[in-house]
Amino acid sequence: MQKQIVYLDNNATTPLHPEVCKALNEAMEFYGNPSSLHALGRMARQRVEQARENIAAFIGADKDEVIFVGSGSEANNTVLSIFTCPSRNCACAPNKHIGIITTTIEHPCVMETSRCLSDRGLGVSYLDVDKDGKVDVNQLEEQLAKKAGLVSIMMANNEIGTVQDIKKLAEIVHKHGALFHTDAVQAVGKFPINVRELGVDFLTLSGHKIYGPKGIGALYVKKGVHFCPLIRGGHQEYGRRAGTENTLGIIGLEKAIQMRAQEMEQEEKRLFEFKAILKKGIEEQIPDIRFNGHPEDCLAGTLNVSFNGAEGEAILLYLDLEGVAVSTGSACASGSLDPSHVLLATGLDAERAHGSIRISMGRQTTKEEIDYLLEVLPRVIKKIREMSTAYNKVK
């Protein structure tokens, strides 16, 4: 097969859906400030509120429970910051002096914020996961018994694709009187999600993970839940997030959500089939490997593999030379030389963790591209292993 560009890093970001591109072009006319009272402002406001209603409906929420933000990271930081409001008289967070519980496999925006909050004196505890990345429910019960105001557990892991039983976890959390947040950035648009059925208090989603524009995300806040803005200085978003609304981004997110409603069911089925082909092909052609993540409760398009005797960065670069784009983990941590904190949390040793890559497929992925990867990956691993003195000594 002739060399081509094969994009298999969709968990990092996705290309714009063609229909989103059209919607963005058409939305150029909505340049008025949605807070302005003149006709152009009212026209922009109408489109923003229409988008809010459609996006809310997609996740089973009411319109006034959705706040538009600049990213999934901002949404996650907003939720965590509720419990550190510095004002003594602020009624936003009655449990603000009670700790936070999260997990050892969260996205860096949650991990780093949690460490920062801990440095400020807030109690933060971390739940362990098993070898497949599933949260330890018994440990959650034990931590909740010590009192916590908020539990934040991601729905689907961005590196290994493991999907948590959010409904069960939320029930446990609420039984102990705490609030529950889930980072659903990697989950929304990949399988059906209903916030009412899940019972969550907060949920995060992001546009650029679902073929929408970058720089736009949304935060679901359950009606009646105490809320404290992270960004102040304006009345926008019902006073919950200051700053002129990103009208273009919001319209792009709306269209991306609408296309997800039409396409995600068939796409999930197709990507599970591709994943099975990939796993079988890798197992048959490459020895000394390990697949990371839960084998069943997982994202259809995500496959994380560890190759003993091969550095993940080297695999990535050699595949790039063959026209294949993959990653070694979270895009937000790609500048780090440390092994993946997610893989280490599942019990993988540092050496194996260093030899891992993440293959994340998307709506544009084809069977021909999967075949091409299976053609080039075995020889890439073989080449890297032949250069590894340590690996050859063991062999």
Protein backbone atom coordinates (compact mmCIF):
# COMPACT_ATOMS: atom_id res chain seq x y z
CA MET A 1 0.00 0.00 0.00
CA GLN A 2 1.31 3.47 -0.89
CA LYS A 3 2.39 5.76 1.96
CA GLN A 4 -0.42 8.00 3.18
CA ILE A 5 -1.41 10.28 6.04
CA VAL A 6 -3.28 8.24 8.63
CA TYR A 7 -4.63 10.26 11.57
CA LEU A 8 -5.06 8.06 14.64
CA ASP A 9 -4.84 10.66 17.41
CA ASN A 10 -8.50 11.60 17.74
CA ASN A 11 -8.43 11.58 21.55
CA ALA A 12 -6.04 14.53 21.35
CA THR A 13 -8.29 16.43 18.94
CA THR A 14 -10.57 15.77 16.01
CA PRO A 15 -10.82 17.38 12.56
CA LEU A 16 -13.80 19.67 12.03
CA HIS A 17 -16.87 17.89 10.72
CA PRO A 18 -17.74 19.19 7.22
CA GLU A 19 -21.17 20.24 8.50
CA VAL A 20 -19.50 22.17 11.34
CA CYS A 21 -17.39 24.02 8.77
CA LYS A 22 -20.55 25.00 6.92
CA ALA A 23 -22.25 26.13 10.12
CA LEU A 24 -19.23 28.25 11.09
CA ASN A 25 -19.19 29.95 7.69
CA GLU A 26 -22.91 30.71 7.91
CA ALA A 27 -22.49 31.98 11.48
CA MET A 28 -20.09 34.74 10.43
CA GLU A 29 -23.08 37.08 10.18
CA PHE A 30 -23.73 36.76 13.91
CA TYR A 31 -20.96 39.18 14.86
CA GLY A 32 -22.98 41.25 17.31
CA ASN A 33 -22.29 41.01 21.03
CA PRO A 34 -24.99 38.73 22.47
CA SER A 35 -25.35 41.17 25.39
CA SER A 36 -26.11 44.14 23.14
CA LEU A 37 -29.74 45.28 22.92
CA HIS A 38 -29.72 46.28 19.26
CA ALA A 39 -30.86 43.96 16.45
CA LEU A 40 -27.42 42.45 15.77
CA GLY A 41 -26.95 41.69 19.45
CA ARG A 42 -30.42 40.16 19.75
CA MET A 43 -29.78 38.00 16.69
CA ALA A 44 -26.54 36.67 18.24
CA ARG A 45 -28.30 36.09 21.58
CA GLN A 46 -31.05 34.11 19.89
CA ARG A 47 -28.50 31.80 18.25
CA VAL A 48 -26.56 31.32 21.48
CA GLU A 49 -29.71 30.37 23.37
CA GLN A 50 -30.89 28.08 20.58
CA ALA A 51 -27.55 26.28 20.72
CA ARG A 52 -27.74 26.05 24.50
CA GLU A 53 -31.16 24.41 24.28
CA ASN A 54 -30.03 21.85 21.68
CA ILE A 55 -26.83 20.97 23.51
CA ALA A 56 -28.69 20.61 26.82
CA ALA A 57 -31.25 18.31 25.19
CA PHE A 58 -28.47 16.06 23.87
CA ILE A 59 -27.32 15.27 27.42
CA GLY A 60 -30.80 15.26 28.97
CA ALA A 61 -30.41 18.60 30.76
CA ASP A 62 -32.50 21.74 30.96
CA LYS A 63 -31.36 24.78 29.02
CA ASP A 64 -30.45 26.83 32.09
CA GLU A 65 -28.21 24.03 33.41
CA VAL A 66 -25.61 24.49 30.65
CA ILE A 67 -22.78 27.04 30.90
CA PHE A 68 -20.53 27.74 27.93
CA VAL A 69 -16.81 27.84 28.74
CA GLY A 70 -13.54 28.07 26.85
CA SER A 71 -12.47 24.42 27.26
CA GLY A 72 -12.92 21.20 29.16
CA SER A 73 -9.98 22.21 31.34
CA GLU A 74 -11.72 25.44 32.31
CA ALA A 75 -14.91 23.57 33.17
CA ASN A 76 -13.01 21.11 35.37
CA ASN A 77 -11.10 23.90 37.10
CA THR A 78 -14.38 25.74 37.68
CA VAL A 79 -15.94 22.80 39.49
CA LEU A 80 -12.88 22.15 41.66
CA SER A 81 -12.53 25.85 42.54
CA ILE A 82 -16.04 25.95 44.01
CA PHE A 83 -14.60 24.36 47.13
CA THR A 84 -11.88 26.98 47.62
CA CYS A 85 -13.88 30.20 47.41
CA PRO A 86 -11.86 32.67 49.53
CA SER A 87 -14.84 34.78 50.59
CA ARG A 88 -16.07 34.10 54.11
CA ASN A 89 -19.52 35.36 53.24
CA CYS A 90 -19.89 33.43 49.98
CA ALA A 91 -22.78 31.00 50.14
CA CYS A 92 -21.68 29.24 46.95
CA ALA A 93 -19.99 26.38 48.69
CA PRO A 94 -21.33 25.49 52.12
CA ASN A 95 -18.97 22.51 52.22
CA LYS A 96 -15.94 24.46 50.99
CA HIS A 97 -13.81 23.42 53.95
CA ILE A 98 -14.48 19.74 53.34
CA GLY A 99 -12.15 17.84 51.05
CA ILE A 100 -12.18 16.58 47.51
CA ILE A 101 -11.87 13.00 46.30
CA THR A 102 -10.60 12.19 42.81
CA THR A 103 -8.66 9.35 41.15
CA THR A 104 -5.09 8.59 40.17
CA ILE A 105 -5.97 8.47 36.44
CA GLU A 106 -7.63 11.85 35.87
CA HIS A 107 -6.69 14.26 33.11
CA PRO A 108 -3.77 16.59 33.99
CA CYS A 109 -6.16 19.56 34.38
CA VAL A 110 -7.78 17.76 37.33
CA MET A 111 -4.58 16.24 38.71
CA GLU A 112 -2.61 19.49 38.70
CA THR A 113 -5.50 21.54 40.07
CA SER A 114 -6.01 19.00 42.84
CA ARG A 115 -2.33 19.24 43.78
CA CYS A 116 -2.60 23.03 43.82
CA LEU A 117 -5.66 22.88 46.08
CA SER A 118 -3.84 20.48 48.38
CA ASP A 119 -0.94 22.95 48.63
CA ARG A 120 -3.48 25.59 49.69
CA GLY A 121 -4.59 23.40 52.57
CA LEU A 122 -7.65 21.67 51.12
CA GLY A 123 -7.87 17.96 51.86
CA VAL A 124 -7.50 15.97 48.64
CA SER A 125 -7.51 12.17 48.47
CA TYR A 126 -6.96 9.91 45.46
CA LEU A 127 -8.72 6.67 44.62
CA ASP A 128 -6.71 3.76 43.24
CA VAL A 129 -7.71 1.79 40.16
CA ASP A 130 -7.24 -1.86 39.22
CA LYS A 131 -5.12 -3.16 36.34
CA ASP A 132 -7.87 -2.26 33.86
CA GLY A 133 -8.33 1.27 35.17
CA LYS A 134 -11.53 0.70 37.15
CA VAL A 135 -12.06 2.74 40.33
CA ASP A 136 -11.88 0.94 43.68
CA VAL A 137 -15.47 1.29 44.95
CA ASN A 138 -14.63 0.06 48.46
CA GLN A 139 -11.92 2.70 48.77
CA LEU A 140 -14.42 5.34 47.65
CA GLU A 141 -16.78 4.31 50.46
CA GLU A 142 -13.93 4.50 52.97
CA GLN A 143 -12.86 7.97 51.83
CA LEU A 144 -16.41 9.29 51.83
CA ALA A 145 -16.83 8.16 55.43
CA LYS A 146 -14.14 10.74 56.31
CA LYS A 147 -16.35 13.48 54.82
CA ALA A 148 -15.87 15.09 51.43
CA GLY A 149 -17.68 17.88 49.65
CA LEU A 150 -16.95 16.80 46.09
CA VAL A 151 -15.97 13.66 44.20
CA SER A 152 -14.56 14.07 40.66
CA ILE A 153 -14.20 10.91 38.53
CA MET A 154 -13.76 10.94 34.77
CA MET A 155 -16.28 8.98 32.74
CA ALA A 156 -13.91 7.67 30.05
CA ASN A 157 -10.15 7.75 30.35
CA ASN A 158 -8.37 9.66 27.61
CA GLU A 159 -5.33 7.34 27.54
CA ILE A 160 -6.61 3.80 28.00
CA GLY A 161 -10.30 4.26 27.17
CA THR A 162 -11.71 2.62 30.31
CA VAL A 163 -15.31 3.69 31.03
CA GLN A 164 -16.46 3.96 34.66
CA ASP A 165 -19.90 3.06 36.03
CA ILE A 166 -20.77 6.69 36.72
CA LYS A 167 -24.36 6.03 37.76
CA LYS A 168 -23.25 3.60 40.48
CA LEU A 169 -20.46 5.90 41.67
CA ALA A 170 -22.81 8.91 41.83
CA GLU A 171 -25.30 6.94 43.92
CA ILE A 172 -22.58 6.05 46.43
CA VAL A 173 -21.37 9.65 46.59
CA HIS A 174 -24.85 11.08 47.13
CA LYS A 175 -25.54 8.53 49.85
CA HIS A 176 -22.76 10.23 51.80
CA GLY A 177 -24.03 13.74 51.10
CA ALA A 178 -21.29 14.84 48.68
CA LEU A 179 -21.56 16.31 45.19
CA PHE A 180 -20.43 14.39 42.10
CA HIS A 181 -18.59 15.70 39.04
CA THR A 182 -17.58 13.72 35.97
CA ASP A 183 -15.17 14.82 33.28
CA ALA A 184 -17.01 13.42 30.26
CA VAL A 185 -14.86 15.09 27.60
CA GLN A 186 -13.87 11.73 26.06
CA ALA A 187 -17.34 10.23 26.47
CA VAL A 188 -19.87 12.76 25.21
CA GLY A 189 -20.69 12.06 21.58
CA LYS A 190 -19.24 8.56 21.62
CA PHE A 191 -22.14 6.83 23.35
CA PRO A 192 -25.50 8.04 24.75
CA ILE A 193 -25.29 10.11 27.95
CA ASN A 194 -28.17 11.40 30.06
CA VAL A 195 -27.32 13.47 33.12
CA ARG A 196 -30.64 12.69 34.80
CA GLU A 197 -30.11 8.94 34.50
CA LEU A 198 -26.50 9.22 35.65
CA GLY A 199 -27.43 11.40 38.63
CA VAL A 200 -24.39 13.67 38.34
CA ASP A 201 -24.24 17.22 39.72
CA PHE A 202 -21.62 18.49 37.25
CA LEU A 203 -20.52 17.22 33.82
CA THR A 204 -17.82 18.54 31.49
CA LEU A 205 -17.75 18.34 27.69
CA SER A 206 -15.53 19.85 24.99
CA GLY A 207 -16.07 20.79 21.34
CA HIS A 208 -12.81 19.75 19.74
CA LYS A 209 -13.12 16.12 20.86
CA ILE A 210 -16.33 15.67 18.85
CA TYR A 211 -15.39 17.29 15.51
CA GLY A 212 -16.28 20.77 16.72
CA PRO A 213 -14.08 23.87 17.09
CA LYS A 214 -11.33 24.32 19.65
CA GLY A 215 -11.76 26.91 22.38
CA ILE A 216 -15.34 25.99 23.29
CA GLY A 217 -16.72 23.65 25.91
CA ALA A 218 -19.69 23.36 28.22
CA LEU A 219 -20.32 22.62 31.86
CA TYR A 220 -23.54 21.04 33.11
CA VAL A 221 -24.54 22.28 36.57
CA LYS A 222 -27.54 20.56 38.08
CA LYS A 223 -30.31 22.93 39.02
CA GLY A 224 -30.19 23.83 42.71
CA VAL A 225 -26.53 22.91 43.20
CA HIS A 226 -24.41 25.65 44.78
CA PHE A 227 -22.11 27.28 42.25
CA CYS A 228 -19.26 29.79 42.43
CA PRO A 229 -17.91 31.39 39.21
CA LEU A 230 -14.26 30.89 38.38
CA ILE A 231 -14.24 33.89 35.99
CA ARG A 232 -15.93 37.03 37.31
CA GLY A 233 -16.59 40.45 35.86
CA GLY A 234 -19.77 40.21 33.84
CA HIS A 235 -23.36 39.03 33.75
CA GLN A 236 -22.86 36.51 30.93
CA GLU A 237 -23.98 32.89 31.28
CA TYR A 238 -26.54 33.84 33.94
CA GLY A 239 -23.73 35.42 35.96
CA ARG A 240 -21.84 32.12 36.14
CA ARG A 241 -19.01 32.79 33.66
CA ALA A 242 -17.95 36.32 32.74
CA GLY A 243 -16.73 37.19 29.26
CA THR A 244 -18.40 37.85 25.92
CA GLU A 245 -19.78 34.60 24.59
CA ASN A 246 -17.89 32.85 21.79
CA THR A 247 -20.86 32.89 19.41
CA LEU A 248 -19.03 31.16 16.56
CA GLY A 249 -17.65 28.47 18.84
CA ILE A 250 -21.04 27.88 20.44
CA ILE A 251 -22.75 27.49 17.06
CA GLY A 252 -19.96 25.13 15.97
CA LEU A 253 -20.41 23.08 19.14
CA GLU A 254 -24.15 22.90 18.54
CA LYS A 255 -23.67 21.56 15.02
CA ALA A 256 -21.05 19.06 16.22
CA ILE A 257 -23.53 17.80 18.83
CA GLN A 258 -26.28 17.52 16.21
CA MET A 259 -24.02 15.46 13.95
CA ARG A 260 -23.02 13.24 16.88
CA ALA A 261 -26.70 12.49 17.47
CA GLN A 262 -26.95 11.27 13.88
CA GLU A 263 -23.66 9.42 13.55
CA MET A 264 -22.36 8.13 16.89
CA GLU A 265 -24.34 4.87 17.08
CA GLN A 266 -23.10 3.54 13.74
CA GLU A 267 -19.65 4.99 14.31
CA GLU A 268 -19.26 3.20 17.66
CA LYS A 269 -20.19 -0.12 16.05
CA ARG A 270 -17.72 0.42 13.19
CA LEU A 271 -14.87 1.48 15.49
CA PHE A 272 -15.35 -1.55 17.76
CA GLU A 273 -14.95 -3.69 14.64
CA PHE A 274 -11.77 -1.85 13.67
CA LYS A 275 -10.47 -2.20 17.21
CA ALA A 276 -10.97 -5.96 17.12
CA ILE A 277 -9.09 -6.14 13.81
CA LEU A 278 -6.24 -4.06 15.25
CA LYS A 279 -5.91 -6.13 18.40
CA LYS A 280 -5.93 -9.39 16.47
CA GLY A 281 -3.39 -8.13 13.95
CA ILE A 282 -1.02 -6.78 16.60
CA GLU A 283 -1.25 -9.97 18.67
CA GLU A 284 -0.52 -12.15 15.65
CA GLN A 285 2.41 -10.12 14.33
CA ILE A 286 4.15 -8.62 17.37
CA PRO A 287 5.26 -10.60 20.45
CA ASP A 288 5.80 -9.32 23.98
CA ILE A 289 2.96 -6.80 24.15
CA ARG A 290 0.21 -5.78 26.55
CA PHE A 291 -3.12 -4.08 25.86
CA ASN A 292 -4.02 -1.48 28.49
CA GLY A 293 -7.53 -0.61 29.64
CA HIS A 294 -10.70 -2.55 30.33
CA PRO A 295 -11.45 -5.13 27.61
CA GLU A 296 -15.21 -4.51 27.65
CA ASP A 297 -16.08 -1.28 29.45
CA CYS A 298 -14.14 0.91 27.06
CA LEU A 299 -14.27 3.44 24.26
CA ALA A 300 -14.69 1.91 20.83
CA GLY A 301 -12.00 4.00 19.19
CA THR A 302 -9.23 3.84 21.80
CA LEU A 303 -6.50 1.19 21.91
CA ASN A 304 -3.49 1.57 24.21
CA VAL A 305 -0.63 -0.91 23.69
CA SER A 306 2.68 -1.46 25.51
CA PHE A 307 5.60 -2.89 23.53
CA ASN A 308 8.41 -4.29 25.65
CA GLY A 309 11.83 -3.16 24.40
CA ALA A 310 10.54 -0.16 22.44
CA GLU A 311 10.25 3.46 23.62
CA GLY A 312 6.86 5.04 22.97
CA GLU A 313 8.44 8.25 21.66
CA ALA A 314 10.54 6.27 19.18
CA ILE A 315 7.48 4.34 18.01
CA LEU A 316 5.59 7.61 17.54
CA LEU A 317 8.41 9.20 15.50
CA TYR A 318 9.00 6.17 13.28
CA LEU A 319 5.27 5.85 12.61
CA ASP A 320 5.19 9.55 11.79
CA LEU A 321 7.83 8.93 9.13
CA GLU A 322 5.47 6.32 7.69
CA GLY A 323 2.63 8.87 7.65
CA VAL A 324 0.82 7.57 10.74
CA ALA A 325 -0.11 9.91 13.61
CA VAL A 326 -0.54 8.35 17.07
CA SER A 327 0.37 9.51 20.58
CA THR A 328 2.05 8.26 23.73
CA GLY A 329 -0.72 9.49 26.03
CA SER A 330 -2.48 12.71 26.90
CA ALA A 331 -1.79 15.61 24.53
CA CYS A 332 -1.69 17.92 27.56
CA ALA A 333 1.25 15.97 28.96
CA SER A 334 3.13 15.36 25.71
CA GLY A 335 5.99 17.64 26.70
CA SER A 336 6.82 15.45 29.69
CA LEU A 337 9.40 12.67 29.58
CA ASP A 338 7.84 10.99 32.61
CA PRO A 339 5.93 7.73 32.05
CA SER A 340 2.14 7.99 31.92
CA HIS A 341 0.63 8.46 35.37
CA VAL A 342 -2.40 6.54 34.12
CA LEU A 343 -0.42 3.46 33.16
CA LEU A 344 1.61 3.59 36.37
CA ALA A 345 -1.66 3.74 38.33
CA THR A 346 -2.81 0.49 36.69
CA GLY A 347 0.30 -1.27 38.01
CA LEU A 348 2.43 -1.11 34.88
CA ASP A 349 6.13 -0.64 35.63
CA ALA A 350 7.90 2.47 34.35
CA GLU A 351 9.74 0.66 31.55
CA ARG A 352 6.58 -0.87 30.10
CA ALA A 353 4.73 2.42 30.54
CA HIS A 354 7.45 4.19 28.54
CA GLY A 355 6.93 1.70 25.72
CA SER A 356 3.26 2.47 25.16
CA ILE A 357 1.31 4.20 22.43
CA ARG A 358 -2.31 5.27 22.15
CA ILE A 359 -4.18 4.64 18.92
CA SER A 360 -7.41 6.65 18.83
CA MET A 361 -9.69 6.26 15.83
CA GLY A 362 -12.46 8.56 14.64
CA ARG A 363 -15.27 9.11 12.16
CA GLN A 364 -12.81 9.49 9.28
CA THR A 365 -10.88 6.28 10.03
CA THR A 366 -11.12 3.63 7.31
CA LYS A 367 -10.46 -0.11 7.11
CA GLU A 368 -7.64 0.66 4.63
CA GLU A 369 -5.96 2.86 7.23
CA ILE A 370 -6.16 0.10 9.84
CA ASP A 371 -4.63 -2.32 7.33
CA TYR A 372 -1.86 0.19 6.61
CA LEU A 373 -1.05 0.56 10.31
CA LEU A 374 -0.86 -3.22 10.66
CA GLU A 375 1.53 -3.22 7.72
CA VAL A 376 3.97 -0.65 9.09
CA LEU A 377 3.75 -1.14 12.89
CA PRO A 378 5.37 -4.62 13.05
CA ARG A 379 8.45 -3.49 11.12
CA VAL A 380 8.71 -0.31 13.21
CA ILE A 381 8.71 -2.31 16.44
CA LYS A 382 11.17 -4.81 14.97
CA LYS A 383 13.54 -2.01 13.95
CA ILE A 384 13.41 -0.33 17.38
CA ARG A 385 13.88 -3.61 19.24
CA GLU A 386 16.88 -4.50 17.09
CA MET A 387 18.51 -1.24 18.23
CA SER A 388 17.74 -1.91 21.90
CA THR A 389 20.79 -3.47 23.58
CA ALA A 390 18.92 -4.08 26.83
CA TYR A 391 16.03 -5.83 25.07
CA ASN A 392 18.33 -8.06 23.02
CA LYS A 393 20.30 -9.07 26.12
CA VAL A 394 17.11 -10.29 27.73
CA LYS A 395 16.10 -12.13 24.56
